[in-house]
Protein backbone atom coordinates (compact mmCIF):
# COMPACT_ATOMS: atom_id res chain seq x y z
CA MET A 1 0.00 0.00 0.00
CA GLN A 2 1.69 3.19 -1.19
CA ILE A 3 0.78 6.37 0.72
CA ASN A 4 2.55 9.70 0.34
CA SER A 5 3.41 10.68 3.92
CA THR A 6 3.59 14.37 3.03
CA ALA A 7 0.08 14.42 1.56
CA LEU A 8 -2.84 15.11 3.86
CA LYS A 9 -4.93 11.98 3.44
CA LYS A 10 -7.19 10.01 5.73
CA ILE A 11 -7.90 6.32 6.07
CA ILE A 12 -11.39 5.43 7.31
CA ILE A 13 -11.54 2.07 8.96
CA ARG A 14 -14.79 0.51 10.21
CA LYS A 15 -14.41 -1.68 13.28
CA LEU A 16 -17.26 -2.83 15.51
CA GLY A 17 -19.63 -0.26 14.09
CA VAL A 18 -17.33 2.65 15.00
CA ILE A 19 -15.79 4.84 12.30
CA THR A 20 -12.27 5.84 13.30
CA VAL A 21 -10.32 8.39 11.29
CA TYR A 22 -6.55 8.10 11.13
CA SER A 23 -4.13 10.65 9.78
CA THR A 24 -1.51 9.23 7.41
CA THR A 25 1.24 10.84 9.46
CA ASN A 26 0.46 8.32 12.26
CA TYR A 27 0.20 5.29 10.01
CA SER A 28 3.20 3.18 8.98
CA PRO A 29 2.68 1.35 5.66
CA GLY A 30 3.55 -2.33 5.67
CA LYS A 31 3.27 -2.65 9.45
CA ARG A 32 0.43 -4.87 10.57
CA GLN A 33 -1.32 -3.78 13.71
CA ASN A 34 -4.58 -4.15 15.53
CA PHE A 35 -6.58 -1.17 14.34
CA PHE A 36 -9.07 -1.32 17.17
CA ILE A 37 -6.34 -1.19 19.84
CA HIS A 38 -4.65 1.63 17.97
CA ALA A 39 -7.95 3.53 17.76
CA PHE A 40 -8.63 2.99 21.45
CA LYS A 41 -5.21 4.31 22.41
CA GLU A 42 -5.61 7.34 20.18
CA HIS A 43 -9.23 8.17 21.07
CA TRP A 44 -9.71 6.50 24.46
CA GLN A 45 -11.68 9.47 25.79
CA LEU A 46 -14.41 8.94 23.18
CA TYR A 47 -14.66 5.23 23.91
CA LEU A 48 -14.77 5.97 27.64
CA MET A 49 -17.79 8.21 27.06
CA LEU A 50 -19.64 5.18 25.66
CA LEU A 51 -19.09 3.23 28.87
CA LEU A 52 -21.92 4.84 30.89
CA PRO A 53 -24.71 4.32 28.31
CA ILE A 54 -23.50 0.76 27.69
CA ILE A 55 -23.63 0.01 31.43
CA TRP A 56 -27.10 1.58 31.64
CA TYR A 57 -28.41 -0.59 28.79
CA VAL A 58 -26.90 -3.75 30.24
CA VAL A 59 -28.14 -3.14 33.80
CA PHE A 60 -31.64 -1.85 33.06
CA LEU A 61 -32.52 -3.54 29.75
CA TYR A 62 -30.57 -6.78 29.32
CA VAL A 63 -30.16 -8.04 32.89
CA PRO A 64 -33.92 -7.83 33.60
CA MET A 65 -34.52 -10.18 30.63
CA TYR A 66 -33.51 -12.97 33.00
CA GLY A 67 -36.85 -12.45 34.73
CA ILE A 68 -38.85 -13.21 31.56
CA GLN A 69 -38.87 -16.85 32.62
CA ILE A 70 -41.52 -16.15 35.30
CA ALA A 71 -44.04 -15.86 32.44
CA PHE A 72 -43.58 -19.63 32.06
CA ARG A 73 -43.64 -20.43 35.79
CA ASP A 74 -45.99 -20.14 38.74
CA TYR A 75 -43.72 -17.61 40.36
CA MET A 76 -43.48 -17.52 44.13
CA PRO A 77 -41.15 -14.87 45.59
CA SER A 78 -40.15 -17.24 48.38
CA SER A 79 -39.02 -19.89 45.87
CA GLY A 80 -37.22 -17.57 43.46
CA PHE A 81 -37.11 -17.80 39.68
CA LEU A 82 -35.63 -21.25 39.31
CA GLY A 83 -37.43 -22.71 42.32
CA SER A 84 -40.91 -21.86 41.04
CA GLU A 85 -42.86 -24.52 39.18
CA PHE A 86 -42.52 -24.52 35.39
CA VAL A 87 -45.98 -24.42 33.75
CA GLY A 88 -45.16 -23.68 30.09
CA ILE A 89 -47.70 -21.53 28.26
CA LYS A 90 -50.41 -21.84 30.91
CA HIS A 91 -50.58 -18.09 31.59
CA PHE A 92 -50.66 -17.23 27.89
CA GLN A 93 -53.60 -19.60 27.38
CA ARG A 94 -55.36 -18.05 30.34
CA PHE A 95 -54.94 -14.58 28.81
CA PHE A 96 -56.12 -15.68 25.35
CA GLU A 97 -59.18 -17.38 26.85
CA SER A 98 -59.94 -14.51 29.18
CA PHE A 99 -63.15 -12.49 28.89
CA TYR A 100 -61.03 -9.32 28.77
CA PHE A 101 -58.67 -10.43 25.98
CA GLY A 102 -60.79 -9.16 23.08
CA ARG A 103 -61.60 -5.89 24.83
CA VAL A 104 -58.10 -4.92 25.86
CA LEU A 105 -56.60 -5.94 22.49
CA LYS A 106 -59.25 -4.02 20.54
CA ASN A 107 -58.90 -0.88 22.69
CA THR A 108 -55.10 -0.97 22.57
CA LEU A 109 -54.98 -1.30 18.78
CA SER A 110 -57.77 1.19 18.08
CA ILE A 111 -56.29 3.90 20.31
CA ASN A 112 -52.80 3.42 18.90
CA PHE A 113 -53.90 3.33 15.26
CA TYR A 114 -56.07 6.39 15.84
CA SER A 115 -53.09 8.15 17.41
CA LEU A 116 -50.81 7.03 14.59
CA VAL A 117 -53.10 8.10 11.74
CA ILE A 118 -54.03 11.45 13.29
CA GLY A 119 -51.18 12.20 15.64
CA PHE A 120 -48.18 11.29 13.48
CA PRO A 121 -48.73 13.71 10.54
CA ILE A 122 -49.58 16.72 12.73
CA PRO A 123 -46.02 17.30 14.08
CA VAL A 124 -44.71 17.01 10.50
CA ILE A 125 -47.22 19.60 9.27
CA PHE A 126 -46.47 21.83 12.25
CA ALA A 127 -42.71 21.68 11.56
CA LEU A 128 -43.26 22.52 7.88
CA LEU A 129 -45.46 25.50 8.75
CA LEU A 130 -43.06 26.67 11.44
CA ASN A 131 -40.21 26.50 8.94
CA GLU A 132 -42.06 29.03 6.75
CA ILE A 133 -42.01 31.69 9.48
CA LYS A 134 -39.22 34.12 8.63
CA TYR A 135 -39.11 36.03 11.93
CA ASN A 136 -36.99 34.05 14.37
CA ARG A 137 -38.48 35.82 17.40
CA TYR A 138 -42.00 34.61 16.61
CA LYS A 139 -40.72 31.18 15.61
CA LYS A 140 -38.94 30.68 18.94
CA LEU A 141 -41.97 31.95 20.85
CA ILE A 142 -44.26 29.47 19.11
CA GLN A 143 -41.76 26.65 19.67
CA ASN A 144 -41.52 27.38 23.40
CA ILE A 145 -45.30 27.56 23.79
CA THR A 146 -45.83 24.22 22.02
CA TYR A 147 -42.98 22.50 23.91
CA LEU A 148 -44.35 23.31 27.36
CA PRO A 149 -47.24 20.78 27.55
CA HIS A 150 -44.78 17.92 27.04
CA PHE A 151 -43.16 18.66 30.40
CA LEU A 152 -46.43 18.57 32.32
CA SER A 153 -47.18 15.43 34.28
CA ALA A 154 -50.10 13.16 33.43
CA VAL A 155 -51.82 14.33 36.63
CA VAL A 156 -51.73 17.95 35.47
CA ILE A 157 -52.91 17.05 31.95
CA VAL A 158 -55.90 15.06 33.26
CA SER A 159 -56.70 17.80 35.79
CA VAL A 160 -56.87 20.31 32.93
CA LEU A 161 -59.15 17.95 31.00
CA GLN A 162 -61.44 17.61 34.02
CA LEU A 163 -61.63 21.39 34.39
CA ILE A 164 -62.64 21.66 30.73
CA LEU A 165 -64.97 18.66 30.56
CA SER A 166 -66.46 18.60 34.05
CA PRO A 167 -70.28 18.07 33.94
CA ASP A 168 -70.86 20.62 36.72
CA ASN A 169 -68.62 23.61 36.05
CA GLY A 170 -66.52 22.60 33.05
CA VAL A 171 -65.75 25.24 30.44
CA LEU A 172 -67.16 23.18 27.58
CA ASN A 173 -70.41 22.42 29.36
CA MET A 174 -70.81 26.08 30.30
CA ILE A 175 -70.50 26.97 26.61
CA LEU A 176 -73.02 24.28 25.65
CA SER A 177 -75.41 25.51 28.31
CA SER A 178 -75.12 29.13 27.13
CA ILE A 179 -76.22 28.17 23.61
CA GLY A 180 -79.08 26.02 24.84
CA MET A 181 -77.52 22.58 24.35
CA GLU A 182 -77.59 19.70 26.81
CA GLN A 183 -74.67 19.31 29.19
CA LYS A 184 -72.77 16.01 29.11
CA ASN A 185 -70.34 14.11 31.28
CA PHE A 186 -67.83 13.54 28.50
CA LEU A 187 -65.41 11.43 30.55
CA ALA A 188 -68.23 9.01 31.41
CA VAL A 189 -69.25 8.31 27.80
CA PRO A 190 -67.22 5.41 26.28
CA SER A 191 -67.58 6.69 22.71
CA TYR A 192 -65.84 9.96 23.65
CA PHE A 193 -62.92 8.44 25.52
CA GLN A 194 -60.60 7.67 22.59
CA HIS A 195 -61.15 11.10 21.02
CA ILE A 196 -60.35 12.85 24.30
CA TYR A 197 -57.29 10.70 24.93
CA VAL A 198 -55.81 11.04 21.42
CA TRP A 199 -56.43 14.75 20.88
CA SER A 200 -55.18 15.69 24.34
CA GLY A 201 -52.07 13.63 23.56
CA ILE A 202 -51.60 15.54 20.31
CA TRP A 203 -51.83 18.85 22.19
CA GLU A 204 -49.37 17.54 24.76
CA ASN A 205 -46.70 16.15 22.40
CA MET A 206 -47.09 17.99 19.09
CA GLY A 207 -44.33 20.55 19.74
CA TRP A 208 -41.94 18.01 21.22
CA ASP A 209 -42.43 15.48 18.41
CA ALA A 210 -41.77 18.22 15.84
CA ILE A 211 -38.21 18.80 17.09
CA MET A 212 -36.71 16.10 14.87
CA TYR A 213 -38.40 17.48 11.76
CA ILE A 214 -37.43 21.07 12.60
CA ALA A 215 -33.81 19.94 12.96
CA ALA A 216 -33.99 18.08 9.64
CA LEU A 217 -35.46 21.13 7.90
CA SER A 218 -32.70 23.35 9.26
CA ALA A 219 -30.18 21.15 7.41
CA VAL A 220 -31.84 21.63 4.01
CA ASP A 221 -29.57 23.52 1.59
CA PRO A 222 -30.94 27.08 1.12
CA ALA A 223 -29.77 26.92 -2.51
CA LEU A 224 -32.62 24.48 -3.20
CA TYR A 225 -35.19 27.05 -2.09
CA GLU A 226 -33.43 29.76 -4.09
CA ALA A 227 -33.50 27.60 -7.20
CA ALA A 228 -37.19 26.89 -6.65
CA THR A 229 -37.87 30.62 -6.26
CA ILE A 230 -36.07 31.38 -9.53
CA ASP A 231 -38.21 28.73 -11.23
CA GLY A 232 -41.31 30.54 -9.96
CA ALA A 233 -42.36 28.00 -7.32
CA SER A 234 -44.94 29.10 -4.75
CA ARG A 235 -44.55 28.46 -1.02
CA PHE A 236 -46.72 25.37 -1.21
CA GLN A 237 -44.70 24.05 -4.15
CA LYS A 238 -41.47 24.61 -2.20
CA ILE A 239 -42.87 22.62 0.70
CA ARG A 240 -44.06 19.85 -1.60
CA HIS A 241 -41.02 19.54 -3.86
CA VAL A 242 -38.15 20.67 -1.60
CA SER A 243 -38.96 20.46 2.13
CA ILE A 244 -40.87 17.16 2.23
CA PRO A 245 -38.46 15.17 -0.01
CA CYS A 246 -35.49 16.42 2.03
CA ILE A 247 -36.94 15.23 5.34
CA MET A 248 -38.63 12.09 3.99
CA GLY A 249 -35.89 9.86 5.44
CA THR A 250 -36.46 11.30 8.91
CA ILE A 251 -40.23 10.88 8.54
CA ILE A 252 -39.86 7.20 7.60
CA ILE A 253 -37.47 6.46 10.47
CA MET A 254 -39.80 8.10 13.00
CA LEU A 255 -42.76 6.22 11.53
CA LEU A 256 -40.93 2.91 11.86
CA LEU A 257 -40.12 3.67 15.49
CA ARG A 258 -43.79 4.45 16.14
CA CYS A 259 -44.77 1.16 14.51
CA GLY A 260 -42.41 -0.63 16.89
CA SER A 261 -44.38 0.66 19.89
CA ILE A 262 -47.88 0.47 18.47
CA MET A 263 -48.99 -1.94 21.21
CA ASN A 264 -47.68 0.30 24.00
CA ILE A 265 -49.87 2.79 25.85
CA GLY A 266 -48.72 4.36 29.07
CA TYR A 267 -51.07 3.37 31.88
CA GLU A 268 -50.71 6.57 33.97
CA LYS A 269 -52.93 8.85 31.89
CA ILE A 270 -55.36 6.04 31.08
CA LEU A 271 -55.82 5.18 34.76
CA LEU A 272 -56.39 8.83 35.69
CA MET A 273 -59.07 9.17 33.00
CA GLN A 274 -60.58 5.75 33.62
CA ASN A 275 -63.79 5.14 35.54
CA SER A 276 -66.40 2.40 35.77
CA LEU A 277 -68.57 4.06 33.11
CA ASN A 278 -65.92 4.27 30.34
CA MET A 279 -64.17 0.98 31.14
CA ASP A 280 -65.36 -0.66 27.93
CA ALA A 281 -63.37 1.88 25.88
CA SER A 282 -60.49 2.67 28.24
CA ASP A 283 -59.30 -0.76 29.37
CA VAL A 284 -56.03 -1.50 27.52
CA ILE A 285 -53.23 -4.03 27.93
CA SER A 286 -51.14 -1.79 30.21
CA THR A 287 -54.02 -1.14 32.63
CA TYR A 288 -54.92 -4.84 32.56
CA VAL A 289 -51.33 -5.73 33.48
CA TYR A 290 -51.41 -3.13 36.26
CA ARG A 291 -54.61 -4.55 37.75
CA SER A 292 -53.58 -8.20 37.50
CA GLY A 293 -49.87 -7.87 38.17
CA ILE A 294 -49.60 -5.16 40.81
CA LEU A 295 -53.04 -4.99 42.41
CA GLY A 296 -53.76 -8.72 42.04
CA ALA A 297 -50.17 -9.84 42.76
CA GLU A 298 -50.30 -12.28 39.81
CA TYR A 299 -46.75 -11.67 38.68
CA SER A 300 -46.45 -14.61 36.29
CA PHE A 301 -49.72 -13.83 34.53
CA ALA A 302 -48.84 -10.14 34.20
CA SER A 303 -45.38 -11.06 32.83
CA ALA A 304 -46.99 -13.33 30.24
CA VAL A 305 -49.29 -10.53 29.09
CA GLY A 306 -46.39 -8.09 28.96
CA LEU A 307 -44.26 -10.57 26.99
CA PHE A 308 -47.09 -11.08 24.50
CA ASN A 309 -47.29 -7.30 24.10
CA SER A 310 -43.53 -7.00 23.48
CA VAL A 311 -43.48 -9.85 20.95
CA CYS A 312 -46.31 -8.20 19.01
CA ASN A 313 -44.38 -4.90 18.97
CA PHE A 314 -41.27 -6.68 17.72
CA ALA A 315 -43.20 -8.44 14.96
CA LEU A 316 -44.83 -5.17 13.86
CA LEU A 317 -41.44 -3.45 13.77
CA ILE A 318 -39.93 -6.22 11.62
CA PHE A 319 -42.91 -6.07 9.26
CA ALA A 320 -42.82 -2.27 8.96
CA ASN A 321 -39.07 -2.22 8.38
CA THR A 322 -39.37 -4.94 5.72
CA MET A 323 -42.06 -2.96 3.89
CA ALA A 324 -40.00 0.24 4.11
CA LYS A 325 -36.95 -1.55 2.71
CA ARG A 326 -38.97 -3.13 -0.10
CA PHE A 327 -40.72 0.03 -1.27
CA GLY A 328 -38.08 2.63 -0.39
CA LYS A 329 -34.41 3.14 0.38
CA THR A 330 -34.80 4.15 4.02
CA SER A 331 -35.04 1.61 6.83
CA LEU A 332 -33.75 0.99 10.34
CA TRP A 333 -31.40 -1.79 9.17
């Protein structure tokens, strides 16, 4: 391998998923060496920075996988994991044959698909519209206002909803009463629950979810917009033919990640909004696991339900990534 030592060249070597850049002044042609060791010695500070997140993932994500086996056992805390009786797929069969199986599966899928179809495009549209604002002061003000709800706790969000939708002194019912319409207890009507949950979630997370798209739009080459302006393109045409194609890769990646968690719904907000009157529409897998696993102390059964949920998410992610790879160039792997 002939390399001119006086020329400023770089050799890019891929090892273990890490791209390390070497200057030719530090590389001796013809001398075999372990590139990974050489890279670690030269950039040990960067590799050391990876140590904390790696430890976090191992301790909190991989080590707990050892406990998955209780989904296949009648777990007794006094007997431990290995000492509890092995029962195979007994708890899975119990869940599939349960009266609640159809209800919780239907509610989980319907809420998530509703949120995906309605809630996913809105941050993209918001980021595109925000990108069209030329005054940075107003743009930053709007960004800060839309970010704030994301940092509110579920308790605060549900309290705001109750103040708005309360049947006695709620703002919405006061407006309905003033125009002669009948007041309603919206949180007690099952048909309203999903709409309230999804649209309040959009209000809560729209600004935060738009951050990735705003960052992607900031990296678009301004020369593309200038060329479109010279060609006589309108603002809408610039969005359609310049902005959207440039961030399409980011949109697909975020969509794939959403597909990988389509069976997941946080139980905190659901439980705070849930009552005996809207149970038919609000009971989802996470609340079912909470009732059976924590309140009912059925740890093996709850683990089996949770494992079923995770396997479904994994299968949906594989399917979505396969479709994205088949019909486009962007995918997670």
